[in-house]
Full PDB file with SEQRES, HELIX, SHEET, SSBOND, CRYST1, ORIGX, SCALE, CONECT and MASTER records, all heavy atoms in Angstrom:
SEQRES   1 A   41  ILE HIS GLY PRO ASP GLY ARG VAL SER LYS THR THR LYS          
SEQRES   2 A   41  TRP HIS GLU ASP ALA GLU PRO SER PRO SER ILE PRO TYR          
SEQRES   3 A   41  PRO GLU LEU ALA SER THR SER GLN ALA GLU PHE GLU LYS          
SEQRES   4 A   41  VAL LEU                                                      
HELIX    1 AA1 GLN A   34  VAL A   40  1                                   7    
CRYST1    1.000    1.000    1.000  90.00  90.00  90.00 P 1           1          
ORIGX1      1.000000  0.000000  0.000000        0.00000                         
ORIGX2      0.000000  1.000000  0.000000        0.00000                         
ORIGX3      0.000000  0.000000  1.000000        0.00000                         
SCALE1      1.000000  0.000000  0.000000        0.00000                         
SCALE2      0.000000  1.000000  0.000000        0.00000                         
SCALE3      0.000000  0.000000  1.000000        0.00000                         
ATOM      1  N   ILE A   1    -101.864  28.538-135.977  1.00  0.00           N  
ATOM      2  CA  ILE A   1    -102.566  29.619-136.666  1.00  0.00           C  
ATOM      3  C   ILE A   1    -102.132  29.623-138.123  1.00  0.00           C  
ATOM      4  O   ILE A   1    -100.943  29.744-138.430  1.00  0.00           O  
ATOM      5  CB  ILE A   1    -102.258  30.969-135.993  1.00  0.00           C  
ATOM      6  CG1 ILE A   1    -102.687  30.935-134.522  1.00  0.00           C  
ATOM      7  CG2 ILE A   1    -102.952  32.103-136.737  1.00  0.00           C  
ATOM      8  CD1 ILE A   1    -102.250  32.141-133.727  1.00  0.00           C  
ATOM      9  N   HIS A   2    -103.098  29.478-139.013  1.00  0.00           N  
ATOM     10  CA  HIS A   2    -102.821  29.413-140.438  1.00  0.00           C  
ATOM     11  C   HIS A   2    -102.978  30.793-141.073  1.00  0.00           C  
ATOM     12  O   HIS A   2    -103.927  31.527-140.764  1.00  0.00           O  
ATOM     13  CB  HIS A   2    -103.771  28.420-141.127  1.00  0.00           C  
ATOM     14  CG  HIS A   2    -103.566  27.006-140.679  1.00  0.00           C  
ATOM     15  ND1 HIS A   2    -103.007  26.040-141.486  1.00  0.00           N  
ATOM     16  CD2 HIS A   2    -103.843  26.377-139.499  1.00  0.00           C  
ATOM     17  CE1 HIS A   2    -102.956  24.888-140.842  1.00  0.00           C  
ATOM     18  NE2 HIS A   2    -103.463  25.064-139.623  1.00  0.00           N  
ATOM     19  N   GLY A   3    -102.059  31.134-141.962  1.00  0.00           N  
ATOM     20  CA  GLY A   3    -102.106  32.412-142.646  1.00  0.00           C  
ATOM     21  C   GLY A   3    -103.042  32.395-143.837  1.00  0.00           C  
ATOM     22  O   GLY A   3    -103.692  31.387-144.135  1.00  0.00           O  
ATOM     23  N   PRO A   4    -103.108  33.532-144.584  1.00  0.00           N  
ATOM     24  CA  PRO A   4    -103.998  33.622-145.746  1.00  0.00           C  
ATOM     25  C   PRO A   4    -103.710  32.577-146.815  1.00  0.00           C  
ATOM     26  O   PRO A   4    -104.608  32.209-147.582  1.00  0.00           O  
ATOM     27  CB  PRO A   4    -103.729  35.035-146.271  1.00  0.00           C  
ATOM     28  CG  PRO A   4    -103.227  35.802-145.086  1.00  0.00           C  
ATOM     29  CD  PRO A   4    -102.437  34.813-144.290  1.00  0.00           C  
ATOM     30  N   ASP A   5    -102.466  32.097-146.861  1.00  0.00           N  
ATOM     31  CA  ASP A   5    -102.130  31.073-147.856  1.00  0.00           C  
ATOM     32  C   ASP A   5    -102.474  29.669-147.388  1.00  0.00           C  
ATOM     33  O   ASP A   5    -102.222  28.681-148.090  1.00  0.00           O  
ATOM     34  CB  ASP A   5    -100.650  31.146-148.221  1.00  0.00           C  
ATOM     35  CG  ASP A   5     -99.721  30.902-147.020  1.00  0.00           C  
ATOM     36  OD1 ASP A   5    -100.242  30.718-145.889  1.00  0.00           O  
ATOM     37  OD2 ASP A   5     -98.493  30.904-147.211  1.00  0.00           O  
ATOM     38  N   GLY A   6    -103.046  29.563-146.193  1.00  0.00           N  
ATOM     39  CA  GLY A   6    -103.439  28.264-145.661  1.00  0.00           C  
ATOM     40  C   GLY A   6    -102.357  27.561-144.882  1.00  0.00           C  
ATOM     41  O   GLY A   6    -102.624  26.573-144.181  1.00  0.00           O  
ATOM     42  N   ARG A   7    -101.120  28.032-144.975  1.00  0.00           N  
ATOM     43  CA  ARG A   7    -100.024  27.388-144.254  1.00  0.00           C  
ATOM     44  C   ARG A   7     -99.941  27.886-142.812  1.00  0.00           C  
ATOM     45  O   ARG A   7    -100.397  28.977-142.503  1.00  0.00           O  
ATOM     46  CB  ARG A   7     -98.702  27.665-144.979  1.00  0.00           C  
ATOM     47  CG  ARG A   7     -98.635  27.081-146.382  1.00  0.00           C  
ATOM     48  CD  ARG A   7     -97.294  27.389-147.024  1.00  0.00           C  
ATOM     49  NE  ARG A   7     -97.198  26.823-148.374  1.00  0.00           N  
ATOM     50  CZ  ARG A   7     -96.134  26.942-149.147  1.00  0.00           C  
ATOM     51  NH1 ARG A   7     -95.056  27.596-148.712  1.00  0.00           N  
ATOM     52  NH2 ARG A   7     -96.134  26.396-150.355  1.00  0.00           N  
ATOM     53  N   VAL A   8     -99.321  27.068-141.976  1.00  0.00           N  
ATOM     54  CA  VAL A   8     -99.170  27.454-140.569  1.00  0.00           C  
ATOM     55  C   VAL A   8     -98.179  28.607-140.483  1.00  0.00           C  
ATOM     56  O   VAL A   8     -97.018  28.491-140.889  1.00  0.00           O  
ATOM     57  CB  VAL A   8     -98.681  26.262-139.713  1.00  0.00           C  
ATOM     58  CG1 VAL A   8     -98.416  26.722-138.276  1.00  0.00           C  
ATOM     59  CG2 VAL A   8     -99.711  25.136-139.734  1.00  0.00           C  
ATOM     60  N   SER A   9     -98.651  29.739-139.956  1.00  0.00           N  
ATOM     61  CA  SER A   9     -97.785  30.911-139.792  1.00  0.00           C  
ATOM     62  C   SER A   9     -97.201  30.996-138.395  1.00  0.00           C  
ATOM     63  O   SER A   9     -96.171  31.644-138.179  1.00  0.00           O  
ATOM     64  CB  SER A   9     -98.571  32.189-140.089  1.00  0.00           C  
ATOM     65  OG  SER A   9     -99.666  32.332-139.195  1.00  0.00           O  
ATOM     66  N   LYS A  10     -97.854  30.348-137.436  1.00  0.00           N  
ATOM     67  CA  LYS A  10     -97.361  30.404-136.057  1.00  0.00           C  
ATOM     68  C   LYS A  10     -97.972  29.262-135.262  1.00  0.00           C  
ATOM     69  O   LYS A  10     -99.134  28.888-135.463  1.00  0.00           O  
ATOM     70  CB  LYS A  10     -97.745  31.737-135.415  1.00  0.00           C  
ATOM     71  CG  LYS A  10     -97.399  31.823-133.927  1.00  0.00           C  
ATOM     72  CD  LYS A  10     -97.892  33.126-133.318  1.00  0.00           C  
ATOM     73  CE  LYS A  10     -96.807  34.170-133.371  1.00  0.00           C  
ATOM     74  NZ  LYS A  10     -97.192  35.389-132.594  1.00  0.00           N  
ATOM     75  N   THR A  11     -97.172  28.664-134.380  1.00  0.00           N  
ATOM     76  CA  THR A  11     -97.694  27.747-133.370  1.00  0.00           C  
ATOM     77  C   THR A  11     -97.436  28.368-132.007  1.00  0.00           C  
ATOM     78  O   THR A  11     -96.343  28.907-131.757  1.00  0.00           O  
ATOM     79  CB  THR A  11     -97.040  26.352-133.446  1.00  0.00           C  
ATOM     80  OG1 THR A  11     -95.635  26.484-133.302  1.00  0.00           O  
ATOM     81  CG2 THR A  11     -97.368  25.675-134.762  1.00  0.00           C  
ATOM     82  N   THR A  12     -98.418  28.324-131.141  1.00  0.00           N  
ATOM     83  CA  THR A  12     -98.306  29.017-129.865  1.00  0.00           C  
ATOM     84  C   THR A  12     -99.201  28.357-128.825  1.00  0.00           C  
ATOM     85  O   THR A  12    -100.172  27.662-129.167  1.00  0.00           O  
ATOM     86  CB  THR A  12     -98.714  30.497-130.015  1.00  0.00           C  
ATOM     87  OG1 THR A  12     -98.573  31.177-128.774  1.00  0.00           O  
ATOM     88  CG2 THR A  12    -100.163  30.623-130.463  1.00  0.00           C  
ATOM     89  N   LYS A  13     -98.887  28.561-127.574  1.00  0.00           N  
ATOM     90  CA  LYS A  13     -99.778  28.116-126.503  1.00  0.00           C  
ATOM     91  C   LYS A  13    -100.969  29.061-126.448  1.00  0.00           C  
ATOM     92  O   LYS A  13    -100.825  30.274-126.627  1.00  0.00           O  
ATOM     93  CB  LYS A  13     -99.048  28.109-125.153  1.00  0.00           C  
ATOM     94  CG  LYS A  13     -97.914  27.098-125.064  1.00  0.00           C  
ATOM     95  CD  LYS A  13     -97.434  26.903-123.640  1.00  0.00           C  
ATOM     96  CE  LYS A  13     -98.452  26.150-122.820  1.00  0.00           C  
ATOM     97  NZ  LYS A  13     -97.905  25.679-121.523  1.00  0.00           N  
ATOM     98  N   TRP A  14    -102.149  28.523-126.217  1.00  0.00           N  
ATOM     99  CA  TRP A  14    -103.346  29.349-126.124  1.00  0.00           C  
ATOM    100  C   TRP A  14    -103.823  29.477-124.673  1.00  0.00           C  
ATOM    101  O   TRP A  14    -104.842  30.109-124.402  1.00  0.00           O  
ATOM    102  CB  TRP A  14    -104.464  28.772-126.989  1.00  0.00           C  
ATOM    103  CG  TRP A  14    -104.812  27.337-126.691  1.00  0.00           C  
ATOM    104  CD1 TRP A  14    -104.241  26.234-127.237  1.00  0.00           C  
ATOM    105  CD2 TRP A  14    -105.797  26.861-125.775  1.00  0.00           C  
ATOM    106  NE1 TRP A  14    -104.802  25.094-126.722  1.00  0.00           N  
ATOM    107  CE2 TRP A  14    -105.756  25.452-125.818  1.00  0.00           C  
ATOM    108  CE3 TRP A  14    -106.707  27.479-124.916  1.00  0.00           C  
ATOM    109  CZ2 TRP A  14    -106.592  24.654-125.044  1.00  0.00           C  
ATOM    110  CZ3 TRP A  14    -107.545  26.699-124.140  1.00  0.00           C  
ATOM    111  CH2 TRP A  14    -107.482  25.292-124.206  1.00  0.00           C  
ATOM    112  N   HIS A  15    -103.053  28.865-123.765  1.00  0.00           N  
ATOM    113  CA  HIS A  15    -103.445  28.919-122.361  1.00  0.00           C  
ATOM    114  C   HIS A  15    -102.189  28.972-121.503  1.00  0.00           C  
ATOM    115  O   HIS A  15    -101.098  28.559-121.927  1.00  0.00           O  
ATOM    116  CB  HIS A  15    -104.264  27.690-121.978  1.00  0.00           C  
ATOM    117  CG  HIS A  15    -103.461  26.421-122.044  1.00  0.00           C  
ATOM    118  ND1 HIS A  15    -102.874  25.849-120.946  1.00  0.00           N  
ATOM    119  CD2 HIS A  15    -103.117  25.645-123.091  1.00  0.00           C  
ATOM    120  CE1 HIS A  15    -102.207  24.770-121.328  1.00  0.00           C  
ATOM    121  NE2 HIS A  15    -102.341  24.621-122.614  1.00  0.00           N  
ATOM    122  N   GLU A  16    -102.350  29.468-120.313  1.00  0.00           N  
ATOM    123  CA  GLU A  16    -101.257  29.542-119.351  1.00  0.00           C  
ATOM    124  C   GLU A  16    -101.398  28.388-118.363  1.00  0.00           C  
ATOM    125  O   GLU A  16    -102.475  28.193-117.781  1.00  0.00           O  
ATOM    126  CB  GLU A  16    -101.321  30.878-118.615  1.00  0.00           C  
ATOM    127  CG  GLU A  16    -100.121  31.179-117.738  1.00  0.00           C  
ATOM    128  CD  GLU A  16    -100.214  32.549-117.094  1.00  0.00           C  
ATOM    129  OE1 GLU A  16    -101.273  33.202-117.194  1.00  0.00           O  
ATOM    130  OE2 GLU A  16     -99.221  32.962-116.469  1.00  0.00           O  
ATOM    131  N   ASP A  17    -100.335  27.630-118.178  1.00  0.00           N  
ATOM    132  CA  ASP A  17    -100.352  26.527-117.223  1.00  0.00           C  
ATOM    133  C   ASP A  17    -100.056  27.030-115.819  1.00  0.00           C  
ATOM    134  O   ASP A  17     -99.542  28.132-115.621  1.00  0.00           O  
ATOM    135  CB  ASP A  17     -99.297  25.478-117.586  1.00  0.00           C  
ATOM    136  CG  ASP A  17     -99.581  24.812-118.913  1.00  0.00           C  
ATOM    137  OD1 ASP A  17    -100.764  24.705-119.271  1.00  0.00           O  
ATOM    138  OD2 ASP A  17     -98.618  24.402-119.583  1.00  0.00           O  
ATOM    139  N   ALA A  18    -100.357  26.191-114.840  1.00  0.00           N  
ATOM    140  CA  ALA A  18     -99.937  26.473-113.472  1.00  0.00           C  
ATOM    141  C   ALA A  18     -98.442  26.203-113.341  1.00  0.00           C  
ATOM    142  O   ALA A  18     -97.873  25.410-114.099  1.00  0.00           O  
ATOM    143  CB  ALA A  18    -100.715  25.596-112.495  1.00  0.00           C  
ATOM    144  N   GLU A  19     -97.820  26.870-112.398  1.00  0.00           N  
ATOM    145  CA  GLU A  19     -96.411  26.599-112.136  1.00  0.00           C  
ATOM    146  C   GLU A  19     -96.260  25.184-111.576  1.00  0.00           C  
ATOM    147  O   GLU A  19     -97.071  24.750-110.748  1.00  0.00           O  
ATOM    148  CB  GLU A  19     -95.863  27.605-111.120  1.00  0.00           C  
ATOM    149  CG  GLU A  19     -95.860  29.043-111.604  1.00  0.00           C  
ATOM    150  CD  GLU A  19     -94.916  29.266-112.762  1.00  0.00           C  
ATOM    151  OE1 GLU A  19     -93.888  28.559-112.835  1.00  0.00           O  
ATOM    152  OE2 GLU A  19     -95.210  30.130-113.615  1.00  0.00           O  
ATOM    153  N   PRO A  20     -95.240  24.432-112.010  1.00  0.00           N  
ATOM    154  CA  PRO A  20     -95.022  23.095-111.439  1.00  0.00           C  
ATOM    155  C   PRO A  20     -94.881  23.184-109.922  1.00  0.00           C  
ATOM    156  O   PRO A  20     -94.158  24.035-109.406  1.00  0.00           O  
ATOM    157  CB  PRO A  20     -93.709  22.648-112.099  1.00  0.00           C  
ATOM    158  CG  PRO A  20     -93.623  23.442-113.352  1.00  0.00           C  
ATOM    159  CD  PRO A  20     -94.250  24.782-113.036  1.00  0.00           C  
ATOM    160  N   SER A  21     -95.597  22.324-109.214  1.00  0.00           N  
ATOM    161  CA  SER A  21     -95.606  22.404-107.758  1.00  0.00           C  
ATOM    162  C   SER A  21     -96.086  21.081-107.167  1.00  0.00           C  
ATOM    163  O   SER A  21     -96.980  20.443-107.736  1.00  0.00           O  
ATOM    164  CB  SER A  21     -96.546  23.529-107.316  1.00  0.00           C  
ATOM    165  OG  SER A  21     -96.804  23.463-105.933  1.00  0.00           O  
ATOM    166  N   PRO A  22     -95.528  20.680-106.022  1.00  0.00           N  
ATOM    167  CA  PRO A  22     -96.042  19.479-105.345  1.00  0.00           C  
ATOM    168  C   PRO A  22     -97.482  19.648-104.876  1.00  0.00           C  
ATOM    169  O   PRO A  22     -98.139  18.659-104.549  1.00  0.00           O  
ATOM    170  CB  PRO A  22     -95.102  19.332-104.141  1.00  0.00           C  
ATOM    171  CG  PRO A  22     -93.881  20.104-104.483  1.00  0.00           C  
ATOM    172  CD  PRO A  22     -94.350  21.241-105.332  1.00  0.00           C  
ATOM    173  N   SER A  23     -97.982  20.885-104.852  1.00  0.00           N  
ATOM    174  CA  SER A  23     -99.344  21.127-104.386  1.00  0.00           C  
ATOM    175  C   SER A  23    -100.366  21.085-105.513  1.00  0.00           C  
ATOM    176  O   SER A  23    -101.564  21.169-105.261  1.00  0.00           O  
ATOM    177  CB  SER A  23     -99.430  22.487-103.675  1.00  0.00           C  
ATOM    178  OG  SER A  23     -99.235  23.546-104.583  1.00  0.00           O  
ATOM    179  N   ILE A  24     -99.897  20.959-106.774  1.00  0.00           N  
ATOM    180  CA  ILE A  24    -100.809  20.955-107.922  1.00  0.00           C  
ATOM    181  C   ILE A  24    -100.533  19.704-108.758  1.00  0.00           C  
ATOM    182  O   ILE A  24     -99.580  19.661-109.532  1.00  0.00           O  
ATOM    183  CB  ILE A  24    -100.624  22.221-108.783  1.00  0.00           C  
ATOM    184  CG1 ILE A  24    -100.893  23.475-107.952  1.00  0.00           C  
ATOM    185  CG2 ILE A  24    -101.540  22.181-110.001  1.00  0.00           C  
ATOM    186  CD1 ILE A  24    -100.599  24.768-108.672  1.00  0.00           C  
ATOM    187  N   PRO A  25    -101.345  18.674-108.617  1.00  0.00           N  
ATOM    188  CA  PRO A  25    -101.066  17.420-109.336  1.00  0.00           C  
ATOM    189  C   PRO A  25    -101.349  17.499-110.833  1.00  0.00           C  
ATOM    190  O   PRO A  25    -100.779  16.738-111.607  1.00  0.00           O  
ATOM    191  CB  PRO A  25    -101.999  16.408-108.654  1.00  0.00           C  
ATOM    192  CG  PRO A  25    -103.111  17.241-108.098  1.00  0.00           C  
ATOM    193  CD  PRO A  25    -102.495  18.551-107.714  1.00  0.00           C  
ATOM    194  N   TYR A  26    -102.246  18.413-111.248  1.00  0.00           N  
ATOM    195  CA  TYR A  26    -102.615  18.508-112.658  1.00  0.00           C  
ATOM    196  C   TYR A  26    -102.454  19.962-113.112  1.00  0.00           C  
ATOM    197  O   TYR A  26    -103.408  20.745-113.072  1.00  0.00           O  
ATOM    198  CB  TYR A  26    -104.063  18.039-112.869  1.00  0.00           C  
ATOM    199  CG  TYR A  26    -104.348  16.705-112.220  1.00  0.00           C  
ATOM    200  CD1 TYR A  26    -105.147  16.618-111.079  1.00  0.00           C  
ATOM    201  CD2 TYR A  26    -103.795  15.540-112.728  1.00  0.00           C  
ATOM    202  CE1 TYR A  26    -105.395  15.400-110.471  1.00  0.00           C  
ATOM    203  CE2 TYR A  26    -104.039  14.315-112.122  1.00  0.00           C  
ATOM    204  CZ  TYR A  26    -104.839  14.253-110.989  1.00  0.00           C  
ATOM    205  OH  TYR A  26    -105.075  13.043-110.385  1.00  0.00           O  
ATOM    206  N   PRO A  27    -101.263  20.346-113.552  1.00  0.00           N  
ATOM    207  CA  PRO A  27    -101.039  21.749-113.923  1.00  0.00           C  
ATOM    208  C   PRO A  27    -101.653  22.143-115.262  1.00  0.00           C  
ATOM    209  O   PRO A  27    -101.785  23.323-115.549  1.00  0.00           O  
ATOM    210  CB  PRO A  27     -99.508  21.856-113.977  1.00  0.00           C  
ATOM    211  CG  PRO A  27     -99.038  20.465-114.255  1.00  0.00           C  
ATOM    212  CD  PRO A  27    -100.021  19.552-113.594  1.00  0.00           C  
ATOM    213  N   GLU A  28    -102.034  21.161-116.090  1.00  0.00           N  
ATOM    214  CA  GLU A  28    -102.615  21.444-117.403  1.00  0.00           C  
ATOM    215  C   GLU A  28    -104.035  20.909-117.486  1.00  0.00           C  
ATOM    216  O   GLU A  28    -104.391  19.937-116.810  1.00  0.00           O  
ATOM    217  CB  GLU A  28    -101.797  20.787-118.521  1.00  0.00           C  
ATOM    218  CG  GLU A  28    -100.443  21.392-118.777  1.00  0.00           C  
ATOM    219  CD  GLU A  28     -99.812  20.832-120.044  1.00  0.00           C  
ATOM    220  OE1 GLU A  28    -100.394  19.897-120.631  1.00  0.00           O  
ATOM    221  OE2 GLU A  28     -98.755  21.325-120.439  1.00  0.00           O  
ATOM    222  N   LEU A  29    -104.842  21.552-118.325  1.00  0.00           N  
ATOM    223  CA  LEU A  29    -106.181  21.036-118.579  1.00  0.00           C  
ATOM    224  C   LEU A  29    -106.113  19.823-119.506  1.00  0.00           C  
ATOM    225  O   LEU A  29    -105.098  19.567-120.145  1.00  0.00           O  
ATOM    226  CB  LEU A  29    -107.067  22.129-119.172  1.00  0.00           C  
ATOM    227  CG  LEU A  29    -106.648  22.793-120.484  1.00  0.00           C  
ATOM    228  CD1 LEU A  29    -107.032  21.958-121.692  1.00  0.00           C  
ATOM    229  CD2 LEU A  29    -107.286  24.168-120.599  1.00  0.00           C  
ATOM    230  N   ALA A  30    -107.194  19.085-119.562  1.00  0.00           N  
ATOM    231  CA  ALA A  30    -107.328  17.965-120.490  1.00  0.00           C  
ATOM    232  C   ALA A  30    -108.490  18.264-121.427  1.00  0.00           C  
ATOM    233  O   ALA A  30    -109.456  18.921-121.037  1.00  0.00           O  
ATOM    234  CB  ALA A  30    -107.582  16.663-119.726  1.00  0.00           C  
ATOM    235  N   SER A  31    -108.388  17.812-122.666  1.00  0.00           N  
ATOM    236  CA  SER A  31    -109.451  18.039-123.641  1.00  0.00           C  
ATOM    237  C   SER A  31    -110.106  16.717-124.009  1.00  0.00           C  
ATOM    238  O   SER A  31    -109.417  15.731-124.284  1.00  0.00           O  
ATOM    239  CB  SER A  31    -108.889  18.697-124.908  1.00  0.00           C  
ATOM    240  OG  SER A  31    -108.438  20.009-124.649  1.00  0.00           O  
ATOM    241  N   THR A  32    -111.420  16.726-124.024  1.00  0.00           N  
ATOM    242  CA  THR A  32    -112.135  15.513-124.381  1.00  0.00           C  
ATOM    243  C   THR A  32    -113.522  15.861-124.882  1.00  0.00           C  
ATOM    244  O   THR A  32    -114.118  16.865-124.474  1.00  0.00           O  
ATOM    245  CB  THR A  32    -112.257  14.555-123.181  1.00  0.00           C  
ATOM    246  OG1 THR A  32    -112.993  13.393-123.569  1.00  0.00           O  
ATOM    247  CG2 THR A  32    -112.967  15.211-122.020  1.00  0.00           C  
ATOM    248  N   SER A  33    -114.027  15.057-125.785  1.00  0.00           N  
ATOM    249  CA  SER A  33    -115.421  15.187-126.198  1.00  0.00           C  
ATOM    250  C   SER A  33    -116.315  14.987-124.982  1.00  0.00           C  
ATOM    251  O   SER A  33    -116.126  14.052-124.198  1.00  0.00           O  
ATOM    252  CB  SER A  33    -115.744  14.130-127.257  1.00  0.00           C  
ATOM    253  OG  SER A  33    -117.135  13.919-127.367  1.00  0.00           O  
ATOM    254  N   GLN A  34    -117.302  15.870-124.816  1.00  0.00           N  
ATOM    255  CA  GLN A  34    -118.212  15.717-123.676  1.00  0.00           C  
ATOM    256  C   GLN A  34    -118.948  14.385-123.746  1.00  0.00           C  
ATOM    257  O   GLN A  34    -119.207  13.759-122.713  1.00  0.00           O  
ATOM    258  CB  GLN A  34    -119.216  16.866-123.628  1.00  0.00           C  
ATOM    259  CG  GLN A  34    -120.127  16.806-122.408  1.00  0.00           C  
ATOM    260  CD  GLN A  34    -121.032  18.020-122.295  1.00  0.00           C  
ATOM    261  OE1 GLN A  34    -120.606  19.149-122.513  1.00  0.00           O  
ATOM    262  NE2 GLN A  34    -122.288  17.794-121.954  1.00  0.00           N  
ATOM    263  N   ALA A  35    -119.271  13.951-124.944  1.00  0.00           N  
ATOM    264  CA  ALA A  35    -119.961  12.672-125.085  1.00  0.00           C  
ATOM    265  C   ALA A  35    -119.115  11.520-124.558  1.00  0.00           C  
ATOM    266  O   ALA A  35    -119.615  10.622-123.857  1.00  0.00           O  
ATOM    267  CB  ALA A  35    -120.323  12.429-126.546  1.00  0.00           C  
ATOM    268  N   GLU A  36    -117.815  11.524-124.883  1.00  0.00           N  
ATOM    269  CA  GLU A  36    -116.925  10.474-124.382  1.00  0.00           C  
ATOM    270  C   GLU A  36    -116.742  10.587-122.871  1.00  0.00           C  
ATOM    271  O   GLU A  36    -116.670   9.583-122.157  1.00  0.00           O  
ATOM    272  CB  GLU A  36    -115.570  10.558-125.099  1.00  0.00           C  
ATOM    273  CG  GLU A  36    -115.623  10.286-126.587  1.00  0.00           C  
ATOM    274  CD  GLU A  36    -116.154   8.897-126.895  1.00  0.00           C  
ATOM    275  OE1 GLU A  36    -115.645   7.923-126.290  1.00  0.00           O  
ATOM    276  OE2 GLU A  36    -117.071   8.775-127.724  1.00  0.00           O  
ATOM    277  N   PHE A  37    -116.655  11.816-122.381  1.00  0.00           N  
ATOM    278  CA  PHE A  37    -116.532  12.043-120.945  1.00  0.00           C  
ATOM    279  C   PHE A  37    -117.750  11.502-120.205  1.00  0.00           C  
ATOM    280  O   PHE A  37    -117.639  10.844-119.162  1.00  0.00           O  
ATOM    281  CB  PHE A  37    -116.352  13.540-120.695  1.00  0.00           C  
ATOM    282  CG  PHE A  37    -116.282  13.939-119.245  1.00  0.00           C  
ATOM    283  CD1 PHE A  37    -115.510  13.238-118.335  1.00  0.00           C  
ATOM    284  CD2 PHE A  37    -116.984  15.049-118.793  1.00  0.00           C  
ATOM    285  CE1 PHE A  37    -115.445  13.623-116.997  1.00  0.00           C  
ATOM    286  CE2 PHE A  37    -116.928  15.444-117.463  1.00  0.00           C  
ATOM    287  CZ  PHE A  37    -116.160  14.728-116.567  1.00  0.00           C  
ATOM    288  N   GLU A  38    -118.934  11.762-120.755  1.00  0.00           N  
ATOM    289  CA  GLU A  38    -120.153  11.268-120.113  1.00  0.00           C  
ATOM    290  C   GLU A  38    -120.198   9.744-120.096  1.00  0.00           C  
ATOM    291  O   GLU A  38    -120.731   9.142-119.152  1.00  0.00           O  
ATOM    292  CB  GLU A  38    -121.382  11.846-120.810  1.00  0.00           C  
ATOM    293  CG  GLU A  38    -121.583  13.330-120.525  1.00  0.00           C  
ATOM    294  CD  GLU A  38    -122.767  13.918-121.263  1.00  0.00           C  
ATOM    295  OE1 GLU A  38    -123.525  13.137-121.893  1.00  0.00           O  
ATOM    296  OE2 GLU A  38    -122.945  15.151-121.230  1.00  0.00           O  
ATOM    297  N   LYS A  39    -119.653   9.100-121.120  1.00  0.00           N  
ATOM    298  CA  LYS A  39    -119.592   7.633-121.108  1.00  0.00           C  
ATOM    299  C   LYS A  39    -118.776   7.139-119.916  1.00  0.00           C  
ATOM    300  O   LYS A  39    -119.137   6.158-119.256  1.00  0.00           O  
ATOM    301  CB  LYS A  39    -118.969   7.117-122.410  1.00  0.00           C  
ATOM    302  CG  LYS A  39    -119.856   7.231-123.635  1.00  0.00           C  
ATOM    303  CD  LYS A  39    -119.125   6.688-124.872  1.00  0.00           C  
ATOM    304  CE  LYS A  39    -119.933   6.874-126.134  1.00  0.00           C  
ATOM    305  NZ  LYS A  39    -119.185   6.397-127.332  1.00  0.00           N  
ATOM    306  N   VAL A  40    -117.642   7.804-119.652  1.00  0.00           N  
ATOM    307  CA  VAL A  40    -116.808   7.438-118.504  1.00  0.00           C  
ATOM    308  C   VAL A  40    -117.594   7.616-117.214  1.00  0.00           C  
ATOM    309  O   VAL A  40    -117.568   6.754-116.311  1.00  0.00           O  
ATOM    310  CB  VAL A  40    -115.521   8.298-118.476  1.00  0.00           C  
ATOM    311  CG1 VAL A  40    -114.737   8.068-117.190  1.00  0.00           C  
ATOM    312  CG2 VAL A  40    -114.647   7.984-119.680  1.00  0.00           C  
ATOM    313  N   LEU A  41    -118.315   8.735-117.095  1.00  0.00           N  
ATOM    314  CA  LEU A  41    -119.092   8.992-115.884  1.00  0.00           C  
ATOM    315  C   LEU A  41    -120.212   7.964-115.724  1.00  0.00           C  
ATOM    316  O   LEU A  41    -120.462   7.483-114.608  1.00  0.00           O  
ATOM    317  CB  LEU A  41    -119.668  10.411-115.925  1.00  0.00           C  
ATOM    318  CG  LEU A  41    -118.661  11.565-115.899  1.00  0.00           C  
ATOM    319  CD1 LEU A  41    -119.383  12.901-115.986  1.00  0.00           C  
ATOM    320  CD2 LEU A  41    -117.793  11.513-114.650  1.00  0.00           C  
TER     321      LEU A  41                                                      
MASTER        0    0    0    1    0    0    0    6  320    1    0    4          
END                                                                             
């Protein structure tokens, strides 16, 4: 998050992850361009 002077005033998580667990193989989301994702599909 950048302040009025343009500099970074804070870095923070914007999402809550799942608790680490053997029952959850992917506790975090992944980000990708939909266009690139569709190429994979």
